[in-house]
């Protein structure tokens, strides 16, 4: 999971930790390291990453980079707005809107993890 909001990180971790191994990346570099090391089935990614938006980029730019190298990786984008079509055109397999409802989070992760099996 790459999400800079600590409250959202904790919510996602607590909702998923009983059923899944959840790794939290502190930044883009640690996310890339964890992708290489753990080879996850699903990546949860916040659309608004401060370290990207400062350079005029978004989570879409990170998805493009990751999907080139990890073609089987399923990506769930977490976002505030309703730009789902654009997001999915750029490689997100699922979109989850804030505020996050744990039931929707769990169902979507389960669906994505099952799609890679």
Protein backbone atom coordinates (compact mmCIF):
# COMPACT_ATOMS: atom_id res chain seq x y z
CA UNK A 1 0.00 0.00 0.00
CA UNK A 2 1.27 3.45 -0.91
CA UNK A 3 -0.84 6.08 0.81
CA UNK A 4 0.57 9.13 2.55
CA UNK A 5 -2.39 9.67 4.89
CA UNK A 6 -1.66 7.88 8.17
CA UNK A 7 -5.35 7.56 9.10
CA UNK A 8 -6.15 5.91 5.78
CA UNK A 9 -3.11 3.65 6.10
CA UNK A 10 -4.25 2.46 9.52
CA UNK A 11 -7.85 1.94 8.39
CA UNK A 12 -6.75 -0.16 5.40
CA UNK A 13 -4.22 -2.12 7.44
CA UNK A 14 -6.75 -2.98 10.16
CA UNK A 15 -9.42 -3.94 7.62
CA UNK A 16 -7.12 -6.29 5.68
CA UNK A 17 -4.44 -7.58 8.09
CA UNK A 18 -6.38 -10.63 9.29
CA UNK A 19 -6.80 -12.02 5.77
CA UNK A 20 -3.81 -10.57 3.88
CA UNK A 21 -0.19 -9.67 4.43
CA UNK A 22 -0.23 -5.87 4.26
CA UNK A 23 2.97 -3.94 3.55
CA UNK A 24 3.02 -0.16 3.90
CA UNK A 25 5.37 1.88 1.75
CA UNK A 26 6.41 5.24 3.13
CA UNK A 27 7.29 6.69 -0.26
CA UNK A 28 7.67 5.82 -3.93
CA UNK A 29 11.17 4.41 -3.47
CA UNK A 30 10.12 2.09 -0.66
CA UNK A 31 7.08 1.03 -2.72
CA UNK A 32 9.34 0.02 -5.60
CA UNK A 33 11.57 -1.89 -3.17
CA UNK A 34 8.59 -3.72 -1.66
CA UNK A 35 7.27 -4.58 -5.12
CA UNK A 36 10.60 -6.21 -5.99
CA UNK A 37 10.94 -7.94 -2.63
CA UNK A 38 7.41 -9.19 -1.94
CA UNK A 39 5.81 -9.42 -5.42
CA UNK A 40 2.29 -8.62 -4.16
CA UNK A 41 -0.89 -9.54 -5.97
CA UNK A 42 -2.56 -6.18 -5.31
CA UNK A 43 -1.22 -2.65 -4.89
CA UNK A 44 -3.38 -0.03 -3.16
CA UNK A 45 -2.31 3.40 -4.30
CA UNK A 46 -3.48 6.91 -3.45
CA UNK A 47 -4.12 9.11 -6.49
CA UNK A 48 -2.78 12.19 -4.72
CA UNK A 49 0.81 11.47 -3.73
CA UNK A 50 2.44 14.64 -2.41
CA UNK A 51 5.87 13.67 -3.68
CA UNK A 52 4.39 13.27 -7.18
CA UNK A 53 1.96 16.19 -7.19
CA UNK A 54 4.80 18.53 -6.22
CA UNK A 55 6.29 17.66 -9.62
CA UNK A 56 2.96 17.90 -11.46
CA UNK A 57 2.39 14.14 -11.41
CA UNK A 58 -0.20 11.86 -9.83
CA UNK A 59 -0.69 8.24 -8.93
CA UNK A 60 -1.36 7.62 -12.63
CA UNK A 61 2.31 8.28 -13.35
CA UNK A 62 3.27 5.72 -10.71
CA UNK A 63 0.84 3.15 -12.15
CA UNK A 64 2.34 3.57 -15.62
CA UNK A 65 5.83 3.00 -14.23
CA UNK A 66 4.80 -0.03 -12.18
CA UNK A 67 2.63 -1.69 -14.84
CA UNK A 68 5.51 -1.64 -17.34
CA UNK A 69 7.58 -3.80 -15.01
CA UNK A 70 4.89 -5.79 -13.18
CA UNK A 71 2.30 -6.59 -15.82
CA UNK A 72 0.32 -9.05 -13.66
CA UNK A 73 0.05 -6.69 -10.69
CA UNK A 74 -3.49 -5.55 -9.88
CA UNK A 75 -3.78 -1.90 -8.83
CA UNK A 76 -6.55 -0.34 -6.77
CA UNK A 77 -6.50 3.46 -6.89
CA UNK A 78 -7.83 5.31 -3.86
CA UNK A 79 -9.16 8.76 -4.71
CA UNK A 80 -11.46 11.63 -3.84
CA UNK A 81 -12.93 12.56 -7.23
CA UNK A 82 -14.97 10.63 -9.80
CA UNK A 83 -12.46 10.38 -12.64
CA UNK A 84 -12.76 6.57 -12.82
CA UNK A 85 -12.66 6.25 -16.62
CA UNK A 86 -9.35 8.10 -16.92
CA UNK A 87 -7.82 6.13 -14.06
CA UNK A 88 -8.78 2.75 -15.48
CA UNK A 89 -7.52 3.74 -18.92
CA UNK A 90 -4.09 4.20 -17.35
CA UNK A 91 -3.84 0.83 -15.66
CA UNK A 92 -5.88 0.89 -12.46
CA UNK A 93 -7.89 -2.29 -12.16
CA UNK A 94 -10.25 -0.91 -9.55
CA UNK A 95 -11.09 2.45 -8.01
CA UNK A 96 -12.07 3.02 -4.39
CA UNK A 97 -13.48 6.39 -3.41
CA UNK A 98 -12.96 8.18 -0.12
CA UNK A 99 -14.33 7.96 2.47
CA UNK A 100 -13.35 4.31 2.40
CA UNK A 101 -15.92 1.79 3.53
CA UNK A 102 -14.22 -1.31 4.89
CA UNK A 103 -16.79 -3.64 3.32
CA UNK A 104 -16.08 -2.22 -0.17
CA UNK A 105 -12.32 -2.31 0.46
CA UNK A 106 -12.37 -5.97 1.47
CA UNK A 107 -14.65 -7.02 -1.40
CA UNK A 108 -12.53 -5.22 -3.99
CA UNK A 109 -9.23 -6.57 -2.68
CA UNK A 110 -10.71 -10.06 -2.58
CA UNK A 111 -11.89 -9.68 -6.19
CA UNK A 112 -8.50 -8.42 -7.38
CA UNK A 113 -6.52 -11.02 -5.47
CA UNK A 114 -8.75 -13.75 -6.88
CA UNK A 115 -8.23 -12.41 -10.40
CA UNK A 116 -4.50 -13.10 -10.18
CA UNK A 117 -4.91 -16.70 -9.07
